[in-house]
Each structure stands twice: as structure tokens, then as C-alpha cells.
């Protein structure tokens, strides 16, 4: 059970210390499971359920309700492009279409190299900085395709270097 490895012990105890009972720590522990597996896998759900002393069905229902948890494998970089009205007015729709074309994927698709998953989401609360996206829960704002192409090339170069 990877979540019970020593590398997560402090983070798990910190999560438990913040709440009155173990069940209340379910959401931070779901983030931990997603970090470990790259998504909220059945193994991750079972581990979180055991740690929180909950039924796995309860944990799965929480993971399924919130959009910040992925119930399917994703690429190393999970790109969530805001296409809500404010961002759309700032060019997000066109940016999103160009990004999908650049990466050769459809909505929710993952590139063949497994590096990038792209999907649209509604409102990431950066309405004054479109086009913008969230990559693995970190904002990238005031984007254009030149900036994105450079960033994508950088991430691909890093992945190629790591393979050597």
C-alpha cells in the first residue's frame, strides 16, 4: 500500500491532525492518492477508505463528486482550460481548439507519449487573465499559443532527458 509508505507518513498525520476525526481527512488524502497514482485509482480509493475508516463506496462518491479528482488515468501534465464565459470572451475557446490541435487530441484526450491530457473546465476564478489553464493545480495565465508551444517543447525535452 503506497500511501502507507514512510514517504507519506508525515503528510497523512498532518491531515489527520487538522480534523476532529479521520473521516474528515478524506479529501486531502484523495489528493495524496491522486499524486501517487496519477489518478484516483481503485487502489487509491481502497487505501484512503482504510486510512479514514470509511467504506470505499463513500470515498468513491466523494472523488466522483469533485472535479479536482480524476477517476481516469491522465497524462503527466493535466491541462484544464477554462472556457467559461469570461475566459471565452478573452479568447479561451479559440485557444482551447488550437491547443487540442497542437497536441493532436480531442477533449479529455491524452497525447500518445502520455505527457498531456487536455480538457475544458468551467471557471477557475482567474477571469481577468484569459486565456488561462490549470496544470496539475497550478495556474498558467495570459496565455497564447506561442507561449504554450514553448512550454510544451520544454516539457517534452525534460521527458526525453529523463528517459536517458
N, C-alpha and C. Protein backbone atom coordinates (compact mmCIF):
# COMPACT_ATOMS: atom_id res chain seq x y z
N UNK A 1 0.83 -1.18 0.00
CA UNK A 1 0.00 0.00 0.00
C UNK A 1 0.89 1.25 0.00
N UNK A 2 1.07 1.85 -1.17
CA UNK A 2 1.96 3.01 -1.27
C UNK A 2 1.63 4.17 -0.34
N UNK A 3 0.37 4.41 -0.06
CA UNK A 3 0.05 5.55 0.80
C UNK A 3 0.51 5.34 2.23
N UNK A 4 0.74 4.11 2.62
CA UNK A 4 1.22 3.85 3.97
C UNK A 4 2.74 3.78 4.02
N UNK A 5 3.40 4.03 2.88
CA UNK A 5 4.87 4.10 2.88
C UNK A 5 5.33 5.26 3.75
N UNK A 6 6.56 5.17 4.21
CA UNK A 6 7.11 6.21 5.08
C UNK A 6 7.11 7.58 4.42
N UNK A 7 7.22 7.63 3.09
CA UNK A 7 7.31 8.94 2.43
C UNK A 7 6.04 9.77 2.61
N UNK A 8 4.92 9.15 2.91
CA UNK A 8 3.66 9.87 3.10
C UNK A 8 3.24 9.98 4.56
N UNK A 9 3.96 9.36 5.45
CA UNK A 9 3.54 9.30 6.86
C UNK A 9 3.30 10.68 7.46
N UNK A 10 4.23 11.61 7.25
CA UNK A 10 4.07 12.95 7.83
C UNK A 10 2.86 13.67 7.25
N UNK A 11 2.66 13.54 5.94
CA UNK A 11 1.54 14.23 5.30
C UNK A 11 0.20 13.65 5.77
N UNK A 12 0.16 12.35 5.95
CA UNK A 12 -1.07 11.72 6.44
C UNK A 12 -1.35 12.18 7.87
N UNK A 13 -0.34 12.18 8.71
CA UNK A 13 -0.54 12.60 10.10
C UNK A 13 -0.91 14.08 10.18
N UNK A 14 -0.34 14.90 9.30
CA UNK A 14 -0.70 16.32 9.26
C UNK A 14 -2.17 16.48 8.88
N UNK A 15 -2.61 15.70 7.91
CA UNK A 15 -4.03 15.77 7.50
C UNK A 15 -4.93 15.35 8.66
N UNK A 16 -4.60 14.27 9.32
CA UNK A 16 -5.43 13.81 10.44
C UNK A 16 -5.45 14.84 11.58
N UNK A 17 -4.34 15.52 11.81
CA UNK A 17 -4.24 16.49 12.91
C UNK A 17 -5.12 17.71 12.70
N UNK A 18 -5.50 17.98 11.46
CA UNK A 18 -6.30 19.17 11.16
C UNK A 18 -7.79 18.98 11.42
N UNK A 19 -8.21 17.74 11.60
CA UNK A 19 -9.65 17.46 11.66
C UNK A 19 -10.01 16.72 12.94
N UNK A 20 -11.28 16.82 13.33
CA UNK A 20 -11.71 16.17 14.58
C UNK A 20 -11.79 14.65 14.50
N UNK A 21 -11.95 14.12 13.28
CA UNK A 21 -11.97 12.66 13.13
C UNK A 21 -11.33 12.29 11.80
N UNK A 22 -10.98 11.05 11.65
CA UNK A 22 -10.27 10.58 10.46
C UNK A 22 -11.08 10.76 9.18
N UNK A 23 -12.38 10.58 9.27
CA UNK A 23 -13.24 10.71 8.08
C UNK A 23 -13.12 12.09 7.43
N UNK A 24 -12.90 13.08 8.23
CA UNK A 24 -12.83 14.45 7.72
C UNK A 24 -11.59 14.70 6.86
N UNK A 25 -10.60 13.84 6.94
CA UNK A 25 -9.37 13.99 6.17
C UNK A 25 -9.45 13.33 4.79
N UNK A 26 -10.62 12.88 4.40
CA UNK A 26 -10.76 12.12 3.16
C UNK A 26 -10.29 12.92 1.94
N UNK A 27 -10.63 14.20 1.87
CA UNK A 27 -10.28 14.97 0.67
C UNK A 27 -8.77 15.18 0.54
N UNK A 28 -8.06 15.61 1.57
CA UNK A 28 -6.61 15.72 1.42
C UNK A 28 -5.95 14.38 1.10
N UNK A 29 -6.49 13.31 1.63
CA UNK A 29 -5.91 12.00 1.34
C UNK A 29 -6.22 11.55 -0.08
N UNK A 30 -7.35 11.98 -0.63
CA UNK A 30 -7.63 11.70 -2.04
C UNK A 30 -6.62 12.41 -2.94
N UNK A 31 -6.25 13.64 -2.57
CA UNK A 31 -5.19 14.34 -3.31
C UNK A 31 -3.89 13.55 -3.27
N UNK A 32 -3.59 13.01 -2.11
CA UNK A 32 -2.37 12.22 -1.95
C UNK A 32 -2.42 10.97 -2.83
N UNK A 33 -3.56 10.31 -2.86
CA UNK A 33 -3.72 9.12 -3.71
C UNK A 33 -3.57 9.50 -5.18
N UNK A 34 -4.15 10.62 -5.56
CA UNK A 34 -4.03 11.07 -6.95
C UNK A 34 -2.58 11.40 -7.30
N UNK A 35 -1.88 11.98 -6.37
CA UNK A 35 -0.45 12.27 -6.57
C UNK A 35 0.34 10.97 -6.75
N UNK A 36 0.05 9.99 -5.95
CA UNK A 36 0.78 8.72 -6.00
C UNK A 36 0.50 7.95 -7.29
N UNK A 37 -0.76 7.84 -7.67
CA UNK A 37 -1.14 7.00 -8.80
C UNK A 37 -1.34 7.76 -10.11
N UNK A 38 -1.41 9.09 -10.04
CA UNK A 38 -1.68 9.88 -11.24
C UNK A 38 -3.17 10.04 -11.49
N UNK A 39 -3.97 9.40 -10.69
CA UNK A 39 -5.43 9.49 -10.74
C UNK A 39 -5.97 8.82 -9.48
N UNK A 40 -7.25 8.97 -9.23
CA UNK A 40 -7.83 8.32 -8.06
C UNK A 40 -8.23 6.91 -8.49
N UNK A 41 -7.27 6.02 -8.38
CA UNK A 41 -7.44 4.64 -8.83
C UNK A 41 -8.24 3.84 -7.81
N UNK A 42 -8.73 2.66 -8.21
CA UNK A 42 -9.41 1.80 -7.22
C UNK A 42 -8.51 1.47 -6.02
N UNK A 43 -7.21 1.30 -6.27
CA UNK A 43 -6.28 1.04 -5.17
C UNK A 43 -6.21 2.23 -4.23
N UNK A 44 -6.15 3.43 -4.83
CA UNK A 44 -6.11 4.65 -4.02
C UNK A 44 -7.36 4.83 -3.19
N UNK A 45 -8.50 4.55 -3.80
CA UNK A 45 -9.77 4.66 -3.06
C UNK A 45 -9.78 3.69 -1.89
N UNK A 46 -9.34 2.47 -2.13
CA UNK A 46 -9.31 1.47 -1.05
C UNK A 46 -8.37 1.90 0.08
N UNK A 47 -7.22 2.46 -0.29
CA UNK A 47 -6.26 2.89 0.73
C UNK A 47 -6.80 4.06 1.54
N UNK A 48 -7.40 5.04 0.86
CA UNK A 48 -7.97 6.19 1.57
C UNK A 48 -9.10 5.73 2.47
N UNK A 49 -9.93 4.83 1.98
CA UNK A 49 -11.02 4.30 2.80
C UNK A 49 -10.49 3.64 4.06
N UNK A 50 -9.45 2.85 3.91
CA UNK A 50 -8.87 2.18 5.09
C UNK A 50 -8.29 3.21 6.06
N UNK A 51 -7.55 4.18 5.54
CA UNK A 51 -6.94 5.19 6.41
C UNK A 51 -8.00 6.01 7.15
N UNK A 52 -9.09 6.33 6.46
CA UNK A 52 -10.14 7.17 7.05
C UNK A 52 -11.22 6.37 7.77
N UNK A 53 -11.07 5.06 7.76
CA UNK A 53 -12.04 4.17 8.40
C UNK A 53 -13.44 4.40 7.83
N UNK A 54 -13.48 4.36 6.49
CA UNK A 54 -14.72 4.56 5.76
C UNK A 54 -14.94 3.41 4.79
N UNK A 55 -16.15 3.30 4.29
CA UNK A 55 -16.45 2.34 3.25
C UNK A 55 -15.90 2.87 1.93
N UNK A 56 -15.27 2.04 1.09
CA UNK A 56 -14.75 2.52 -0.19
C UNK A 56 -15.80 3.19 -1.08
N UNK A 57 -17.05 2.76 -0.97
CA UNK A 57 -18.11 3.38 -1.76
C UNK A 57 -18.30 4.84 -1.36
N UNK A 58 -18.18 5.14 -0.10
CA UNK A 58 -18.29 6.53 0.35
C UNK A 58 -17.14 7.37 -0.21
N UNK A 59 -15.94 6.83 -0.19
CA UNK A 59 -14.77 7.55 -0.70
C UNK A 59 -14.93 7.76 -2.20
N UNK A 60 -15.36 6.74 -2.91
CA UNK A 60 -15.57 6.87 -4.36
C UNK A 60 -16.61 7.92 -4.69
N UNK A 61 -17.66 8.01 -3.90
CA UNK A 61 -18.70 9.01 -4.16
C UNK A 61 -18.16 10.42 -3.97
N UNK A 62 -17.26 10.62 -3.04
CA UNK A 62 -16.65 11.93 -2.83
C UNK A 62 -15.73 12.25 -4.00
N UNK A 63 -14.91 11.29 -4.40
CA UNK A 63 -14.00 11.50 -5.54
C UNK A 63 -14.78 11.79 -6.81
N UNK A 64 -15.92 11.15 -6.98
CA UNK A 64 -16.72 11.34 -8.18
C UNK A 64 -17.46 12.67 -8.22
N UNK A 65 -17.71 13.24 -7.06
CA UNK A 65 -18.46 14.49 -6.99
C UNK A 65 -17.60 15.70 -7.37
N UNK A 66 -16.36 15.71 -6.95
CA UNK A 66 -15.50 16.88 -7.13
C UNK A 66 -14.64 16.75 -8.39
N UNK A 67 -14.60 17.83 -9.17
CA UNK A 67 -13.87 17.81 -10.45
C UNK A 67 -12.35 17.83 -10.27
N UNK A 68 -11.85 18.12 -9.10
CA UNK A 68 -10.41 18.16 -8.91
C UNK A 68 -9.80 16.77 -8.74
N UNK A 69 -10.65 15.78 -8.69
CA UNK A 69 -10.16 14.40 -8.64
C UNK A 69 -10.46 13.74 -9.98
N UNK A 70 -9.49 13.03 -10.49
CA UNK A 70 -9.68 12.33 -11.75
C UNK A 70 -9.89 10.84 -11.48
N UNK A 71 -10.95 10.32 -12.02
CA UNK A 71 -11.23 8.89 -11.85
C UNK A 71 -10.72 8.06 -13.02
N UNK A 72 -9.94 8.70 -13.88
CA UNK A 72 -9.35 8.02 -15.04
C UNK A 72 -7.89 8.43 -15.15
N UNK A 73 -7.05 7.56 -15.68
CA UNK A 73 -5.64 7.93 -15.85
C UNK A 73 -5.51 9.18 -16.70
N UNK A 74 -4.56 10.00 -16.35
CA UNK A 74 -4.30 11.24 -17.06
C UNK A 74 -2.82 11.26 -17.46
N UNK A 75 -2.49 12.20 -18.33
CA UNK A 75 -1.10 12.42 -18.67
C UNK A 75 -0.35 13.01 -17.49
N UNK A 76 0.95 13.09 -17.63
CA UNK A 76 1.78 13.67 -16.57
C UNK A 76 1.35 15.11 -16.30
N UNK A 77 0.96 15.82 -17.35
CA UNK A 77 0.50 17.20 -17.23
C UNK A 77 -0.98 17.25 -17.57
N UNK A 78 -1.81 17.54 -16.57
CA UNK A 78 -3.25 17.60 -16.72
C UNK A 78 -3.62 19.05 -16.96
N UNK A 79 -3.92 19.37 -18.21
CA UNK A 79 -4.20 20.74 -18.62
C UNK A 79 -5.71 20.96 -18.65
N UNK A 80 -6.19 21.81 -17.76
CA UNK A 80 -7.61 22.14 -17.68
C UNK A 80 -7.77 23.59 -18.12
N UNK A 81 -8.33 23.78 -19.29
CA UNK A 81 -8.51 25.11 -19.86
C UNK A 81 -9.87 25.64 -19.48
N UNK A 82 -9.90 26.83 -18.89
CA UNK A 82 -11.17 27.45 -18.54
C UNK A 82 -11.81 27.98 -19.81
N UNK A 83 -13.05 27.56 -20.07
CA UNK A 83 -13.80 28.05 -21.23
C UNK A 83 -15.11 28.69 -20.80
N UNK A 84 -15.19 29.10 -19.54
CA UNK A 84 -16.38 29.77 -19.05
C UNK A 84 -16.53 31.12 -19.77
N UNK A 85 -17.62 31.79 -19.60
CA UNK A 85 -17.95 32.98 -20.38
C UNK A 85 -16.85 34.05 -20.36
N UNK A 86 -16.39 34.42 -19.19
CA UNK A 86 -15.36 35.48 -19.12
C UNK A 86 -14.11 35.08 -19.90
N UNK A 87 -13.67 33.86 -19.73
CA UNK A 87 -12.48 33.40 -20.45
C UNK A 87 -12.77 33.25 -21.94
N UNK A 88 -13.95 32.78 -22.27
CA UNK A 88 -14.33 32.67 -23.69
C UNK A 88 -14.28 34.03 -24.37
N UNK A 89 -14.76 35.04 -23.70
CA UNK A 89 -14.71 36.39 -24.26
C UNK A 89 -13.27 36.86 -24.43
N UNK A 90 -12.36 36.31 -23.66
CA UNK A 90 -10.93 36.64 -23.76
C UNK A 90 -10.16 35.72 -24.68
N UNK A 91 -10.85 34.92 -25.47
CA UNK A 91 -10.19 34.08 -26.46
C UNK A 91 -9.95 32.64 -26.07
N UNK A 92 -10.52 32.20 -24.97
CA UNK A 92 -10.26 30.84 -24.48
C UNK A 92 -10.75 29.75 -25.41
N UNK A 93 -11.90 29.95 -26.04
CA UNK A 93 -12.42 28.90 -26.93
C UNK A 93 -11.47 28.64 -28.08
N UNK A 94 -11.01 29.69 -28.72
CA UNK A 94 -10.06 29.53 -29.83
C UNK A 94 -8.75 28.94 -29.33
N UNK A 95 -8.27 29.43 -28.19
CA UNK A 95 -7.04 28.90 -27.60
C UNK A 95 -7.18 27.39 -27.34
N UNK A 96 -8.31 26.99 -26.77
CA UNK A 96 -8.54 25.58 -26.46
C UNK A 96 -8.53 24.73 -27.72
N UNK A 97 -9.19 25.19 -28.76
CA UNK A 97 -9.20 24.45 -30.02
C UNK A 97 -7.80 24.33 -30.61
N UNK A 98 -7.04 25.40 -30.57
CA UNK A 98 -5.67 25.38 -31.10
C UNK A 98 -4.77 24.47 -30.26
N UNK A 99 -4.97 24.47 -28.95
CA UNK A 99 -4.18 23.60 -28.07
C UNK A 99 -4.46 22.13 -28.37
N UNK A 100 -5.73 21.78 -28.51
CA UNK A 100 -6.07 20.39 -28.85
C UNK A 100 -5.46 20.00 -30.19
N UNK A 101 -5.52 20.90 -31.14
CA UNK A 101 -4.94 20.63 -32.46
C UNK A 101 -3.42 20.46 -32.35
N UNK A 102 -2.79 21.33 -31.61
CA UNK A 102 -1.33 21.27 -31.42
C UNK A 102 -0.91 19.93 -30.83
N UNK A 103 -1.68 19.44 -29.88
CA UNK A 103 -1.34 18.18 -29.20
C UNK A 103 -1.94 16.96 -29.89
N UNK A 104 -2.83 17.17 -30.85
CA UNK A 104 -3.43 16.06 -31.58
C UNK A 104 -4.38 15.23 -30.74
N UNK A 105 -5.17 15.90 -29.90
CA UNK A 105 -6.12 15.19 -29.03
C UNK A 105 -7.49 15.84 -29.12
N UNK A 106 -8.49 15.08 -28.69
CA UNK A 106 -9.84 15.60 -28.54
C UNK A 106 -10.02 16.01 -27.08
N UNK A 107 -11.17 16.56 -26.75
CA UNK A 107 -11.47 16.96 -25.39
C UNK A 107 -11.30 15.76 -24.45
N UNK A 108 -10.53 15.94 -23.42
CA UNK A 108 -10.29 14.87 -22.45
C UNK A 108 -9.25 13.86 -22.90
N UNK A 109 -8.67 14.09 -24.08
CA UNK A 109 -7.70 13.13 -24.62
C UNK A 109 -6.30 13.31 -24.06
N UNK A 110 -5.54 12.25 -24.17
CA UNK A 110 -4.15 12.23 -23.73
C UNK A 110 -3.25 11.97 -24.93
N UNK A 111 -2.15 12.68 -24.99
CA UNK A 111 -1.22 12.52 -26.10
C UNK A 111 -0.63 11.11 -26.10
N UNK A 112 -0.18 10.68 -27.27
CA UNK A 112 0.37 9.33 -27.40
C UNK A 112 1.55 9.08 -26.49
N UNK A 113 2.34 10.13 -26.21
CA UNK A 113 3.50 9.97 -25.34
C UNK A 113 3.12 9.96 -23.86
N UNK A 114 1.83 10.14 -23.57
CA UNK A 114 1.36 10.08 -22.19
C UNK A 114 1.68 11.32 -21.37
N UNK A 115 2.17 12.36 -22.01
CA UNK A 115 2.57 13.55 -21.26
C UNK A 115 1.42 14.50 -20.95
N UNK A 116 0.50 14.69 -21.89
CA UNK A 116 -0.50 15.75 -21.74
C UNK A 116 -1.93 15.22 -21.88
N UNK A 117 -2.76 15.60 -20.94
CA UNK A 117 -4.20 15.40 -21.05
C UNK A 117 -4.82 16.78 -21.06
N UNK A 118 -5.74 17.01 -22.00
CA UNK A 118 -6.35 18.33 -22.16
C UNK A 118 -7.86 18.22 -22.05
N UNK A 119 -8.44 19.09 -21.23
CA UNK A 119 -9.89 19.15 -21.12
C UNK A 119 -10.31 20.57 -20.78
N UNK A 120 -11.57 20.87 -21.08
CA UNK A 120 -12.08 22.19 -20.71
C UNK A 120 -12.83 22.07 -19.40
N UNK A 121 -12.78 23.14 -18.63
CA UNK A 121 -13.48 23.21 -17.36
C UNK A 121 -14.19 24.55 -17.27
N UNK A 122 -15.07 24.65 -16.32
CA UNK A 122 -15.81 25.89 -16.12
C UNK A 122 -15.28 26.61 -14.90
N UNK A 123 -14.84 27.80 -15.08
CA UNK A 123 -14.41 28.77 -14.08
C UNK A 123 -13.34 28.26 -13.12
N UNK A 124 -12.17 28.79 -13.35
CA UNK A 124 -11.04 28.55 -12.45
C UNK A 124 -10.72 29.80 -11.65
N UNK A 125 -11.61 30.78 -11.69
CA UNK A 125 -11.52 32.00 -10.88
C UNK A 125 -10.32 32.87 -11.22
N UNK A 126 -9.98 32.93 -12.49
CA UNK A 126 -8.94 33.86 -12.96
C UNK A 126 -9.50 34.60 -14.17
N UNK A 127 -10.69 35.12 -14.00
CA UNK A 127 -11.45 35.71 -15.10
C UNK A 127 -10.76 36.91 -15.74
N UNK A 128 -9.84 37.52 -15.04
CA UNK A 128 -9.16 38.69 -15.56
C UNK A 128 -7.88 38.36 -16.32
N UNK A 129 -7.58 37.08 -16.49
CA UNK A 129 -6.31 36.70 -17.11
C UNK A 129 -6.44 35.63 -18.20
N UNK A 130 -7.50 35.68 -19.02
CA UNK A 130 -7.65 34.64 -20.05
C UNK A 130 -6.76 34.91 -21.26
N UNK A 131 -6.56 33.92 -22.08
CA UNK A 131 -6.82 32.51 -21.80
C UNK A 131 -5.91 32.00 -20.68
N UNK A 132 -6.44 31.11 -19.91
CA UNK A 132 -5.69 30.54 -18.80
C UNK A 132 -6.03 29.07 -18.65
N UNK A 133 -5.15 28.38 -17.96
CA UNK A 133 -5.41 26.98 -17.66
C UNK A 133 -4.79 26.64 -16.33
N UNK A 134 -5.18 25.50 -15.85
CA UNK A 134 -4.61 24.95 -14.64
C UNK A 134 -3.87 23.69 -15.04
N UNK A 135 -2.60 23.61 -14.71
CA UNK A 135 -1.79 22.42 -15.00
C UNK A 135 -1.41 21.81 -13.66
N UNK A 136 -1.94 20.63 -13.40
CA UNK A 136 -1.67 19.93 -12.14
C UNK A 136 -1.90 20.88 -10.95
N UNK A 137 -2.97 21.65 -11.03
CA UNK A 137 -3.42 22.56 -9.98
C UNK A 137 -2.56 23.82 -9.82
N UNK A 138 -1.78 24.14 -10.84
CA UNK A 138 -1.02 25.39 -10.86
C UNK A 138 -1.50 26.22 -12.05
N UNK A 139 -1.77 27.49 -11.81
CA UNK A 139 -2.30 28.35 -12.86
C UNK A 139 -1.24 28.80 -13.85
N UNK A 140 -1.65 28.88 -15.10
CA UNK A 140 -0.88 29.49 -16.18
C UNK A 140 -1.85 30.49 -16.82
N UNK A 141 -1.48 31.77 -16.80
CA UNK A 141 -2.43 32.81 -17.20
C UNK A 141 -1.90 33.65 -18.36
N UNK A 142 -2.83 34.42 -18.95
CA UNK A 142 -2.49 35.31 -20.07
C UNK A 142 -1.76 34.55 -21.17
N UNK A 143 -2.31 33.43 -21.56
CA UNK A 143 -1.64 32.53 -22.50
C UNK A 143 -1.92 32.89 -23.95
N UNK A 144 -1.04 32.41 -24.80
CA UNK A 144 -1.25 32.39 -26.25
C UNK A 144 -0.55 31.14 -26.75
N UNK A 145 -0.77 30.79 -27.98
CA UNK A 145 -0.21 29.53 -28.48
C UNK A 145 1.31 29.57 -28.60
N UNK A 146 1.91 30.71 -28.82
CA UNK A 146 3.37 30.77 -28.84
C UNK A 146 3.94 30.38 -27.47
N UNK A 147 3.37 30.93 -26.40
CA UNK A 147 3.80 30.58 -25.05
C UNK A 147 3.58 29.09 -24.79
N UNK A 148 2.43 28.58 -25.21
CA UNK A 148 2.12 27.16 -24.96
C UNK A 148 3.04 26.24 -25.75
N UNK A 149 3.31 26.57 -27.00
CA UNK A 149 4.22 25.73 -27.80
C UNK A 149 5.59 25.65 -27.13
N UNK A 150 6.09 26.79 -26.63
CA UNK A 150 7.38 26.80 -25.95
C UNK A 150 7.34 25.95 -24.68
N UNK A 151 6.26 26.07 -23.92
CA UNK A 151 6.12 25.30 -22.69
C UNK A 151 6.03 23.80 -22.99
N UNK A 152 5.23 23.45 -24.00
CA UNK A 152 5.09 22.04 -24.40
C UNK A 152 6.44 21.48 -24.84
N UNK A 153 7.18 22.24 -25.63
CA UNK A 153 8.51 21.79 -26.09
C UNK A 153 9.45 21.59 -24.90
N UNK A 154 9.38 22.47 -23.93
CA UNK A 154 10.21 22.36 -22.72
C UNK A 154 9.88 21.08 -21.96
N UNK A 155 8.60 20.80 -21.78
CA UNK A 155 8.18 19.60 -21.03
C UNK A 155 8.56 18.33 -21.80
N UNK A 156 8.44 18.36 -23.11
CA UNK A 156 8.85 17.19 -23.90
C UNK A 156 10.36 16.98 -23.84
N UNK A 157 11.11 18.05 -23.84
CA UNK A 157 12.58 17.95 -23.73
C UNK A 157 12.96 17.38 -22.36
N UNK A 158 12.29 17.84 -21.31
CA UNK A 158 12.55 17.31 -19.98
C UNK A 158 12.25 15.81 -19.91
N UNK A 159 11.15 15.39 -20.53
CA UNK A 159 10.78 13.97 -20.52
C UNK A 159 11.80 13.15 -21.30
N UNK A 160 12.27 13.67 -22.43
CA UNK A 160 13.27 12.95 -23.23
C UNK A 160 14.58 12.82 -22.45
N UNK A 161 14.96 13.88 -21.75
CA UNK A 161 16.19 13.86 -20.96
C UNK A 161 16.08 12.86 -19.82
N UNK A 162 14.90 12.78 -19.21
CA UNK A 162 14.68 11.86 -18.07
C UNK A 162 14.75 10.40 -18.53
N UNK A 163 14.43 10.13 -19.79
CA UNK A 163 14.47 8.75 -20.31
C UNK A 163 15.89 8.24 -20.50
N UNK A 164 16.83 9.16 -20.66
CA UNK A 164 18.22 8.76 -20.91
C UNK A 164 18.93 8.28 -19.69
